Amino acid sequence: MLPQPATSLRRGLAATALGLALLAPAAPALAGTLSLHLQPRTAQEARALNAAITLYSIHRDIRSDADIRQTGRNNAAALRQSGPDNRGIIRQRGADHSARLDQSGGGNAQVILQFGRGAHADIRQTGGQAGIVLQFAQ
């Protein structure tokens, strides 16, 4: 069982993801980019976020430490991992997105989700880091 702060973080992440998912149909009507970056401030928060990303991976039946799925046109993604226990997930829907994730050192976890058109993400993790990037672009 995860400690109480991790439970709160998981609930907060789930509520944020749900809220942003509800915005997805409205995204084409918006101008510019809506971007949310979740990065923990403490080692305990990083472990909790890493656990949440691991649970998401299990739920989505991701069987490796890296997963890239793109739907749409002209999307580009790169994921490089060195070191043990890194987990990277990139999912892009729409067109003209680019995402690059570079994980080294081990114990990293990152999710990049991009929707709409023309979002860009470039993330580097160097050991024990975790994060989530959600972007809606037009």
C-alpha atoms as a PDB file:
ATOM      1  CA  MET A   1       0.000   0.000   0.000  1.00  0.00           C
ATOM      2  CA  LEU A   2       1.319   3.449  -0.917  1.00  0.00           C
ATOM      3  CA  PRO A   3       1.724   6.116   1.779  1.00  0.00           C
ATOM      4  CA  GLN A   4      -1.037   8.705   2.204  1.00  0.00           C
ATOM      5  CA  PRO A   5       0.721  11.476   0.165  1.00  0.00           C
ATOM      6  CA  ALA A   6       1.039   9.066  -2.764  1.00  0.00           C
ATOM      7  CA  THR A   7      -2.685   8.307  -2.572  1.00  0.00           C
ATOM      8  CA  SER A   8      -3.455  12.027  -2.703  1.00  0.00           C
ATOM      9  CA  LEU A   9      -1.050  12.473  -5.614  1.00  0.00           C
ATOM     10  CA  ARG A  10      -2.665   9.572  -7.517  1.00  0.00           C
ATOM     11  CA  ARG A  11      -6.117  11.038  -6.955  1.00  0.00           C
ATOM     12  CA  GLY A  12      -4.913  14.456  -8.058  1.00  0.00           C
ATOM     13  CA  LEU A  13      -3.310  13.009 -11.190  1.00  0.00           C
ATOM     14  CA  ALA A  14      -6.435  11.054 -12.038  1.00  0.00           C
ATOM     15  CA  ALA A  15      -8.638  14.136 -11.579  1.00  0.00           C
ATOM     16  CA  THR A  16      -6.282  16.267 -13.682  1.00  0.00           C
ATOM     17  CA  ALA A  17      -6.100  13.673 -16.465  1.00  0.00           C
ATOM     18  CA  LEU A  18      -9.883  13.311 -16.467  1.00  0.00           C
ATOM     19  CA  GLY A  19     -10.383  17.071 -16.576  1.00  0.00           C
ATOM     20  CA  LEU A  20      -7.952  17.466 -19.457  1.00  0.00           C
ATOM     21  CA  ALA A  21      -9.516  14.549 -21.307  1.00  0.00           C
ATOM     22  CA  LEU A  22     -12.850  16.344 -21.088  1.00  0.00           C
ATOM     23  CA  LEU A  23     -11.211  19.391 -22.687  1.00  0.00           C
ATOM     24  CA  ALA A  24      -9.936  17.374 -25.668  1.00  0.00           C
ATOM     25  CA  PRO A  25     -13.032  17.884 -27.870  1.00  0.00           C
ATOM     26  CA  ALA A  26     -12.865  21.645 -27.242  1.00  0.00           C
ATOM     27  CA  ALA A  27      -9.129  21.879 -28.006  1.00  0.00           C
ATOM     28  CA  PRO A  28      -9.541  22.658 -31.742  1.00  0.00           C
ATOM     29  CA  ALA A  29     -11.575  25.735 -30.829  1.00  0.00           C
ATOM     30  CA  LEU A  30      -8.741  27.079 -28.665  1.00  0.00           C
ATOM     31  CA  ALA A  31      -5.841  29.068 -30.040  1.00  0.00           C
ATOM     32  CA  GLY A  32      -2.287  28.234 -29.005  1.00  0.00           C
ATOM     33  CA  THR A  33      -1.221  25.507 -26.627  1.00  0.00           C
ATOM     34  CA  LEU A  34      -2.501  24.342 -23.276  1.00  0.00           C
ATOM     35  CA  SER A  35       0.351  22.616 -21.497  1.00  0.00           C
ATOM     36  CA  LEU A  36       0.496  20.911 -18.097  1.00  0.00           C
ATOM     37  CA  HIS A  37       3.787  19.665 -16.677  1.00  0.00           C
ATOM     38  CA  LEU A  38       3.740  17.625 -13.477  1.00  0.00           C
ATOM     39  CA  GLN A  39       7.138  17.278 -11.838  1.00  0.00           C
ATOM     40  CA  PRO A  40       7.594  16.175  -8.238  1.00  0.00           C
ATOM     41  CA  ARG A  41       9.499  18.401  -5.816  1.00  0.00           C
ATOM     42  CA  THR A  42      10.712  15.688  -3.430  1.00  0.00           C
ATOM     43  CA  ALA A  43      12.061  12.161  -3.702  1.00  0.00           C
ATOM     44  CA  GLN A  44       8.885  10.865  -2.031  1.00  0.00           C
ATOM     45  CA  GLU A  45       6.701  12.600  -4.633  1.00  0.00           C
ATOM     46  CA  ALA A  46       8.930  11.206  -7.412  1.00  0.00           C
ATOM     47  CA  ARG A  47       8.476   7.668  -6.060  1.00  0.00           C
ATOM     48  CA  ALA A  48       4.703   8.184  -5.860  1.00  0.00           C
ATOM     49  CA  LEU A  49       4.517   9.523  -9.417  1.00  0.00           C
ATOM     50  CA  ASN A  50       6.754   6.690 -10.639  1.00  0.00           C
ATOM     51  CA  ALA A  51       4.364   4.216  -8.974  1.00  0.00           C
ATOM     52  CA  ALA A  52       1.365   5.928 -10.607  1.00  0.00           C
ATOM     53  CA  ILE A  53       3.043   5.701 -14.046  1.00  0.00           C
ATOM     54  CA  THR A  54       3.816   2.029 -13.402  1.00  0.00           C
ATOM     55  CA  LEU A  55       0.165   1.404 -12.515  1.00  0.00           C
ATOM     56  CA  TYR A  56      -0.895   3.215 -15.701  1.00  0.00           C
ATOM     57  CA  SER A  57       1.484   0.969 -17.671  1.00  0.00           C
ATOM     58  CA  ILE A  58      -0.031  -2.128 -16.117  1.00  0.00           C
ATOM     59  CA  HIS A  59      -3.552  -0.840 -16.809  1.00  0.00           C
ATOM     60  CA  ARG A  60      -2.692  -0.116 -20.483  1.00  0.00           C
ATOM     61  CA  ASP A  61      -0.931  -3.513 -20.750  1.00  0.00           C
ATOM     62  CA  ILE A  62       2.416  -1.982 -21.706  1.00  0.00           C
ATOM     63  CA  ARG A  63       4.833  -4.895 -21.506  1.00  0.00           C
ATOM     64  CA  SER A  64       8.117  -3.071 -21.957  1.00  0.00           C
ATOM     65  CA  ASP A  65       9.822  -0.074 -20.425  1.00  0.00           C
ATOM     66  CA  ALA A  66       9.083   2.052 -23.494  1.00  0.00           C
ATOM     67  CA  ASP A  67       5.888   2.634 -25.440  1.00  0.00           C
ATOM     68  CA  ILE A  68       5.230   5.026 -28.327  1.00  0.00           C
ATOM     69  CA  ARG A  69       1.838   5.147 -30.070  1.00  0.00           C
ATOM     70  CA  GLN A  70       1.030   7.789 -32.627  1.00  0.00           C
ATOM     71  CA  THR A  71      -2.248   8.427 -34.406  1.00  0.00           C
ATOM     72  CA  GLY A  72      -2.489  11.063 -37.093  1.00  0.00           C
ATOM     73  CA  ARG A  73      -0.049  12.521 -39.599  1.00  0.00           C
ATOM     74  CA  ASN A  74       3.508  13.827 -39.556  1.00  0.00           C
ATOM     75  CA  ASN A  75       4.198  12.960 -35.915  1.00  0.00           C
ATOM     76  CA  ALA A  76       7.760  12.228 -34.792  1.00  0.00           C
ATOM     77  CA  ALA A  77       8.935  10.648 -31.546  1.00  0.00           C
ATOM     78  CA  ALA A  78      12.246   9.460 -30.141  1.00  0.00           C
ATOM     79  CA  LEU A  79      12.842   7.617 -26.889  1.00  0.00           C
ATOM     80  CA  ARG A  80      16.320   6.708 -25.608  1.00  0.00           C
ATOM     81  CA  GLN A  81      16.921   4.807 -22.380  1.00  0.00           C
ATOM     82  CA  SER A  82      20.106   3.739 -20.626  1.00  0.00           C
ATOM     83  CA  GLY A  83      20.243   2.324 -17.132  1.00  0.00           C
ATOM     84  CA  PRO A  84      17.844   0.057 -15.250  1.00  0.00           C
ATOM     85  CA  ASP A  85      14.177   0.544 -14.421  1.00  0.00           C
ATOM     86  CA  ASN A  86      13.334   3.404 -16.780  1.00  0.00           C
ATOM     87  CA  ARG A  87       9.766   3.733 -18.031  1.00  0.00           C
ATOM     88  CA  GLY A  88       8.795   6.030 -20.898  1.00  0.00           C
ATOM     89  CA  ILE A  89       5.412   6.492 -22.546  1.00  0.00           C
ATOM     90  CA  ILE A  90       4.740   8.820 -25.495  1.00  0.00           C
ATOM     91  CA  ARG A  91       1.281   8.946 -27.111  1.00  0.00           C
ATOM     92  CA  GLN A  92       0.434  11.495 -29.765  1.00  0.00           C
ATOM     93  CA  ARG A  93      -2.901  12.089 -31.503  1.00  0.00           C
ATOM     94  CA  GLY A  94      -3.378  14.615 -34.245  1.00  0.00           C
ATOM     95  CA  ALA A  95      -0.738  16.023 -36.577  1.00  0.00           C
ATOM     96  CA  ASP A  96       2.710  17.595 -36.635  1.00  0.00           C
ATOM     97  CA  HIS A  97       3.704  16.702 -33.060  1.00  0.00           C
ATOM     98  CA  SER A  98       7.257  16.009 -31.983  1.00  0.00           C
ATOM     99  CA  ALA A  99       8.408  14.412 -28.748  1.00  0.00           C
ATOM    100  CA  ARG A 100      11.825  13.385 -27.513  1.00  0.00           C
ATOM    101  CA  LEU A 101      12.474  11.580 -24.242  1.00  0.00           C
ATOM    102  CA  ASP A 102      16.021  10.812 -23.062  1.00  0.00           C
ATOM    103  CA  GLN A 103      16.332   8.739 -19.879  1.00  0.00           C
ATOM    104  CA  SER A 104      19.652   7.790 -18.311  1.00  0.00           C
ATOM    105  CA  GLY A 105      20.846   6.649 -14.912  1.00  0.00           C
ATOM    106  CA  GLY A 106      17.861   4.460 -14.016  1.00  0.00           C
ATOM    107  CA  GLY A 107      14.663   4.726 -12.022  1.00  0.00           C
ATOM    108  CA  ASN A 108      13.051   7.333 -14.293  1.00  0.00           C
ATOM    109  CA  ALA A 109       9.399   7.468 -15.351  1.00  0.00           C
ATOM    110  CA  GLN A 110       7.823   9.874 -17.841  1.00  0.00           C
ATOM    111  CA  VAL A 111       4.535  10.149 -19.728  1.00  0.00           C
ATOM    112  CA  ILE A 112       4.140  12.547 -22.673  1.00  0.00           C
ATOM    113  CA  LEU A 113       0.613  12.953 -24.067  1.00  0.00           C
ATOM    114  CA  GLN A 114       0.015  15.388 -26.945  1.00  0.00           C
ATOM    115  CA  PHE A 115      -3.238  16.165 -28.734  1.00  0.00           C
ATOM    116  CA  GLY A 116      -4.286  18.520 -31.506  1.00  0.00           C
ATOM    117  CA  ARG A 117      -1.692  19.917 -33.887  1.00  0.00           C
ATOM    118  CA  GLY A 118       1.939  20.964 -33.519  1.00  0.00           C
ATOM    119  CA  ALA A 119       2.830  20.260 -29.883  1.00  0.00           C
ATOM    120  CA  HIS A 120       6.489  19.744 -28.988  1.00  0.00           C
ATOM    121  CA  ALA A 121       8.132  18.135 -25.960  1.00  0.00           C
ATOM    122  CA  ASP A 122      11.798  17.537 -25.160  1.00  0.00           C
ATOM    123  CA  ILE A 123      12.435  15.830 -21.807  1.00  0.00           C
ATOM    124  CA  ARG A 124      15.738  14.648 -20.283  1.00  0.00           C
ATOM    125  CA  GLN A 125      15.874  12.619 -17.083  1.00  0.00           C
ATOM    126  CA  THR A 126      19.117  11.644 -15.352  1.00  0.00           C
ATOM    127  CA  GLY A 127      18.139   9.260 -12.564  1.00  0.00           C
ATOM    128  CA  GLY A 128      15.220   8.819 -10.195  1.00  0.00           C
ATOM    129  CA  GLN A 129      13.102  11.463 -11.911  1.00  0.00           C
ATOM    130  CA  ALA A 130       9.444  11.306 -12.893  1.00  0.00           C
ATOM    131  CA  GLY A 131       7.010  13.525 -14.742  1.00  0.00           C
ATOM    132  CA  ILE A 132       3.908  13.866 -16.867  1.00  0.00           C
ATOM    133  CA  VAL A 133       3.445  16.280 -19.760  1.00  0.00           C
ATOM    134  CA  LEU A 134      -0.065  16.832 -21.162  1.00  0.00           C
ATOM    135  CA  GLN A 135      -0.372  19.186 -24.146  1.00  0.00           C
ATOM    136  CA  PHE A 136      -3.258  20.306 -26.312  1.00  0.00           C
ATOM    137  CA  ALA A 137      -2.124  22.406 -29.267  1.00  0.00           C
ATOM    138  CA  GLN A 138      -3.738  24.034 -32.253  1.00  0.00           C
END
